[in-house]
Amino acid sequence: MELLVPIICLLLLVGLVFYVGYPLLSAAAPHRLREGEHQRLIERREQLLASIKEIEFDQAMGKLPEGEYQRFRQQFEAEAMKVLQQLDQFGGASRQGRGLAERVEKDLRALRRKDQTHCPSCGAQRQPADCFCSRCGARFAKAATA
């Protein structure tokens, strides 16, 4: 009986130490999860860039109808923007990641410039006779050929 009280106190003390110490010890685990999530986002961004380039090539080769091309391009661009926003929430991308993000943005701008059926500034659909964008008001360099 005399030994039972110290054992119960010791068990309570161990439980208390575990209860207080567990959150402190597990604080490093989310950091590891965040690194894995960051790497996954970087990989997804690279996949989206490759997909955008691929559909641009397929459309140029005549393998992809215009309607499907526009739908896929808008879908990939929207997802790429979400991925870039999520990467920004991680406190900014690494130097390599920022270089890739700049490449994605540069490639998207180049694709928009080449595509004369859409505004190079905002991506809105344009008519062949339009001189200005109906959404953002940007001036078109020359009339589109449809």
C-alpha atoms as a PDB file:
ATOM      1  CA  MET A   1       0.000   0.000   0.000  1.00  0.00           C
ATOM      2  CA  GLU A   2       2.853   2.376   0.819  1.00  0.00           C
ATOM      3  CA  LEU A   3       4.381   1.676  -2.590  1.00  0.00           C
ATOM      4  CA  LEU A   4       1.131   2.264  -4.489  1.00  0.00           C
ATOM      5  CA  VAL A   5       0.953   6.020  -3.774  1.00  0.00           C
ATOM      6  CA  PRO A   6       4.458   6.804  -5.188  1.00  0.00           C
ATOM      7  CA  ILE A   7       3.750   4.665  -8.288  1.00  0.00           C
ATOM      8  CA  ILE A   8       0.473   6.513  -8.950  1.00  0.00           C
ATOM      9  CA  CYS A   9       2.229   9.869  -8.458  1.00  0.00           C
ATOM     10  CA  LEU A  10       5.000   8.797 -10.831  1.00  0.00           C
ATOM     11  CA  LEU A  11       2.467   7.713 -13.480  1.00  0.00           C
ATOM     12  CA  LEU A  12       0.619  11.012 -13.107  1.00  0.00           C
ATOM     13  CA  LEU A  13       3.906  12.904 -13.448  1.00  0.00           C
ATOM     14  CA  VAL A  14       4.856  10.957 -16.611  1.00  0.00           C
ATOM     15  CA  GLY A  15       1.395  11.600 -18.047  1.00  0.00           C
ATOM     16  CA  LEU A  16       1.667  15.300 -17.279  1.00  0.00           C
ATOM     17  CA  VAL A  17       5.133  15.536 -18.860  1.00  0.00           C
ATOM     18  CA  PHE A  18       3.845  13.719 -21.965  1.00  0.00           C
ATOM     19  CA  TYR A  19       0.732  15.927 -22.114  1.00  0.00           C
ATOM     20  CA  VAL A  20       2.800  19.131 -21.903  1.00  0.00           C
ATOM     21  CA  GLY A  21       5.772  17.947 -23.980  1.00  0.00           C
ATOM     22  CA  TYR A  22       3.981  16.298 -26.897  1.00  0.00           C
ATOM     23  CA  PRO A  23       2.915  19.543 -28.636  1.00  0.00           C
ATOM     24  CA  LEU A  24       6.433  20.903 -28.250  1.00  0.00           C
ATOM     25  CA  LEU A  25       8.011  17.781 -29.709  1.00  0.00           C
ATOM     26  CA  SER A  26       5.520  17.473 -32.544  1.00  0.00           C
ATOM     27  CA  ALA A  27       6.050  21.093 -33.683  1.00  0.00           C
ATOM     28  CA  ALA A  28       8.790  19.889 -36.048  1.00  0.00           C
ATOM     29  CA  ALA A  29       6.425  17.473 -37.860  1.00  0.00           C
ATOM     30  CA  PRO A  30       4.364  20.148 -39.691  1.00  0.00           C
ATOM     31  CA  HIS A  31       7.608  21.629 -41.007  1.00  0.00           C
ATOM     32  CA  ARG A  32       8.459  18.309 -42.673  1.00  0.00           C
ATOM     33  CA  LEU A  33       4.935  18.090 -44.058  1.00  0.00           C
ATOM     34  CA  ARG A  34       5.209  21.619 -45.393  1.00  0.00           C
ATOM     35  CA  GLU A  35       8.477  20.781 -47.181  1.00  0.00           C
ATOM     36  CA  GLY A  36       6.798  17.796 -48.848  1.00  0.00           C
ATOM     37  CA  GLU A  37       3.804  19.920 -49.817  1.00  0.00           C
ATOM     38  CA  HIS A  38       6.111  22.631 -51.195  1.00  0.00           C
ATOM     39  CA  GLN A  39       7.931  20.085 -53.365  1.00  0.00           C
ATOM     40  CA  ARG A  40       4.606  18.675 -54.581  1.00  0.00           C
ATOM     41  CA  LEU A  41       3.455  22.161 -55.598  1.00  0.00           C
ATOM     42  CA  ILE A  42       6.703  22.824 -57.471  1.00  0.00           C
ATOM     43  CA  GLU A  43       6.303  19.547 -59.351  1.00  0.00           C
ATOM     44  CA  ARG A  44       2.674  20.344 -60.181  1.00  0.00           C
ATOM     45  CA  ARG A  45       3.676  23.777 -61.477  1.00  0.00           C
ATOM     46  CA  GLU A  46       6.230  22.158 -63.792  1.00  0.00           C
ATOM     47  CA  GLN A  47       3.615  19.678 -65.013  1.00  0.00           C
ATOM     48  CA  LEU A  48       1.186  22.492 -65.784  1.00  0.00           C
ATOM     49  CA  LEU A  49       3.820  24.418 -67.728  1.00  0.00           C
ATOM     50  CA  ALA A  50       4.558  21.304 -69.786  1.00  0.00           C
ATOM     51  CA  SER A  51       0.824  20.760 -70.361  1.00  0.00           C
ATOM     52  CA  ILE A  52       0.345  24.321 -71.596  1.00  0.00           C
ATOM     53  CA  LYS A  53       3.248  23.949 -74.006  1.00  0.00           C
ATOM     54  CA  GLU A  54       1.909  20.589 -75.179  1.00  0.00           C
ATOM     55  CA  ILE A  55      -1.599  21.829 -75.961  1.00  0.00           C
ATOM     56  CA  GLU A  56      -0.114  24.848 -77.738  1.00  0.00           C
ATOM     57  CA  PHE A  57       1.924  22.477 -79.910  1.00  0.00           C
ATOM     58  CA  ASP A  58      -1.063  20.180 -80.518  1.00  0.00           C
ATOM     59  CA  GLN A  59      -3.227  23.127 -81.533  1.00  0.00           C
ATOM     60  CA  ALA A  60      -0.513  24.448 -83.876  1.00  0.00           C
ATOM     61  CA  MET A  61      -0.271  20.996 -85.486  1.00  0.00           C
ATOM     62  CA  GLY A  62      -4.052  20.862 -85.941  1.00  0.00           C
ATOM     63  CA  LYS A  63      -4.558  17.938 -83.559  1.00  0.00           C
ATOM     64  CA  LEU A  64      -6.676  19.913 -81.112  1.00  0.00           C
ATOM     65  CA  PRO A  65      -9.856  21.788 -82.124  1.00  0.00           C
ATOM     66  CA  GLU A  66      -9.969  25.480 -81.191  1.00  0.00           C
ATOM     67  CA  GLY A  67     -12.768  25.061 -78.622  1.00  0.00           C
ATOM     68  CA  GLU A  68     -10.976  22.289 -76.758  1.00  0.00           C
ATOM     69  CA  TYR A  69      -7.693  24.179 -76.962  1.00  0.00           C
ATOM     70  CA  GLN A  70      -9.250  27.262 -75.331  1.00  0.00           C
ATOM     71  CA  ARG A  71     -10.944  25.180 -72.634  1.00  0.00           C
ATOM     72  CA  PHE A  72      -7.764  23.283 -71.772  1.00  0.00           C
ATOM     73  CA  ARG A  73      -5.620  26.417 -71.839  1.00  0.00           C
ATOM     74  CA  GLN A  74      -7.935  28.295 -69.495  1.00  0.00           C
ATOM     75  CA  GLN A  75      -8.123  25.281 -67.177  1.00  0.00           C
ATOM     76  CA  PHE A  76      -4.330  24.854 -67.029  1.00  0.00           C
ATOM     77  CA  GLU A  77      -3.707  28.577 -66.591  1.00  0.00           C
ATOM     78  CA  ALA A  78      -6.242  28.809 -63.762  1.00  0.00           C
ATOM     79  CA  GLU A  79      -4.707  25.829 -61.989  1.00  0.00           C
ATOM     80  CA  ALA A  80      -1.196  27.220 -62.510  1.00  0.00           C
ATOM     81  CA  MET A  81      -2.261  30.488 -60.900  1.00  0.00           C
ATOM     82  CA  LYS A  82      -3.698  28.606 -57.902  1.00  0.00           C
ATOM     83  CA  VAL A  83      -0.455  26.649 -57.528  1.00  0.00           C
ATOM     84  CA  LEU A  84       1.583  29.862 -57.712  1.00  0.00           C
ATOM     85  CA  GLN A  85      -0.632  31.441 -55.050  1.00  0.00           C
ATOM     86  CA  GLN A  86      -0.194  28.402 -52.802  1.00  0.00           C
ATOM     87  CA  LEU A  87       3.573  28.595 -53.274  1.00  0.00           C
ATOM     88  CA  ASP A  88       3.471  32.259 -52.301  1.00  0.00           C
ATOM     89  CA  GLN A  89       1.702  31.255 -49.080  1.00  0.00           C
ATOM     90  CA  PHE A  90       4.734  29.148 -48.172  1.00  0.00           C
ATOM     91  CA  GLY A  91       6.674  32.375 -47.813  1.00  0.00           C
ATOM     92  CA  GLY A  92       7.816  32.587 -51.421  1.00  0.00           C
ATOM     93  CA  ALA A  93       9.484  30.038 -53.589  1.00  0.00           C
ATOM     94  CA  SER A  94      13.140  29.172 -53.517  1.00  0.00           C
ATOM     95  CA  ARG A  95      15.495  30.854 -55.955  1.00  0.00           C
ATOM     96  CA  GLN A  96      15.045  27.961 -58.385  1.00  0.00           C
ATOM     97  CA  GLY A  97      11.279  28.019 -57.860  1.00  0.00           C
ATOM     98  CA  ARG A  98      11.096  31.751 -58.495  1.00  0.00           C
ATOM     99  CA  GLY A  99      13.010  31.255 -61.735  1.00  0.00           C
ATOM    100  CA  LEU A 100      10.509  28.628 -62.782  1.00  0.00           C
ATOM    101  CA  ALA A 101       7.571  30.852 -61.803  1.00  0.00           C
ATOM    102  CA  GLU A 102       9.015  33.638 -63.904  1.00  0.00           C
ATOM    103  CA  ARG A 103       9.409  31.190 -66.801  1.00  0.00           C
ATOM    104  CA  VAL A 104       5.776  30.119 -66.465  1.00  0.00           C
ATOM    105  CA  GLU A 105       4.595  33.735 -66.497  1.00  0.00           C
ATOM    106  CA  LYS A 106       6.884  34.580 -69.426  1.00  0.00           C
ATOM    107  CA  ASP A 107       5.660  31.567 -71.421  1.00  0.00           C
ATOM    108  CA  LEU A 108       2.024  32.429 -70.711  1.00  0.00           C
ATOM    109  CA  ARG A 109       2.583  36.002 -71.897  1.00  0.00           C
ATOM    110  CA  ALA A 110       4.306  34.713 -75.053  1.00  0.00           C
ATOM    111  CA  LEU A 111       1.427  32.327 -75.747  1.00  0.00           C
ATOM    112  CA  ARG A 112      -1.079  35.129 -75.333  1.00  0.00           C
ATOM    113  CA  ARG A 113       0.909  37.380 -77.658  1.00  0.00           C
ATOM    114  CA  LYS A 114       1.004  34.669 -80.348  1.00  0.00           C
ATOM    115  CA  ASP A 115      -2.707  34.017 -80.027  1.00  0.00           C
ATOM    116  CA  GLN A 116      -4.407  36.838 -81.903  1.00  0.00           C
ATOM    117  CA  THR A 117      -7.905  35.582 -81.141  1.00  0.00           C
ATOM    118  CA  HIS A 118      -7.497  36.629 -77.482  1.00  0.00           C
ATOM    119  CA  CYS A 119      -6.324  39.762 -75.699  1.00  0.00           C
ATOM    120  CA  PRO A 120      -2.598  39.535 -74.787  1.00  0.00           C
ATOM    121  CA  SER A 121      -3.236  41.438 -71.547  1.00  0.00           C
ATOM    122  CA  CYS A 122      -6.228  39.684 -70.020  1.00  0.00           C
ATOM    123  CA  GLY A 123      -6.934  36.717 -72.330  1.00  0.00           C
ATOM    124  CA  ALA A 124     -10.482  37.799 -73.260  1.00  0.00           C
ATOM    125  CA  GLN A 125     -11.926  36.572 -76.568  1.00  0.00           C
ATOM    126  CA  ARG A 126     -11.663  39.167 -79.336  1.00  0.00           C
ATOM    127  CA  GLN A 127     -13.428  39.610 -82.638  1.00  0.00           C
ATOM    128  CA  PRO A 128     -11.440  39.969 -85.884  1.00  0.00           C
ATOM    129  CA  ALA A 129     -12.403  43.629 -86.361  1.00  0.00           C
ATOM    130  CA  ASP A 130     -11.688  44.704 -82.748  1.00  0.00           C
ATOM    131  CA  CYS A 131      -9.042  47.358 -82.185  1.00  0.00           C
ATOM    132  CA  PHE A 132      -9.464  47.403 -78.394  1.00  0.00           C
ATOM    133  CA  CYS A 133     -10.176  44.719 -75.788  1.00  0.00           C
ATOM    134  CA  SER A 134     -13.784  44.738 -74.594  1.00  0.00           C
ATOM    135  CA  ARG A 135     -12.737  43.616 -71.088  1.00  0.00           C
ATOM    136  CA  CYS A 136      -9.587  45.600 -70.226  1.00  0.00           C
ATOM    137  CA  GLY A 137      -9.420  48.228 -72.997  1.00  0.00           C
ATOM    138  CA  ALA A 138      -5.939  47.251 -74.227  1.00  0.00           C
ATOM    139  CA  ARG A 139      -5.135  48.359 -77.768  1.00  0.00           C
ATOM    140  CA  PHE A 140      -4.481  45.560 -80.233  1.00  0.00           C
ATOM    141  CA  ALA A 141      -1.411  45.894 -82.450  1.00  0.00           C
ATOM    142  CA  LYS A 142      -3.231  44.740 -85.588  1.00  0.00           C
ATOM    143  CA  ALA A 143      -6.530  43.217 -86.559  1.00  0.00           C
ATOM    144  CA  ALA A 144      -6.897  39.521 -85.736  1.00  0.00           C
ATOM    145  CA  THR A 145      -7.138  36.974 -88.486  1.00  0.00           C
ATOM    146  CA  ALA A 146      -9.838  34.442 -87.802  1.00  0.00           C
END
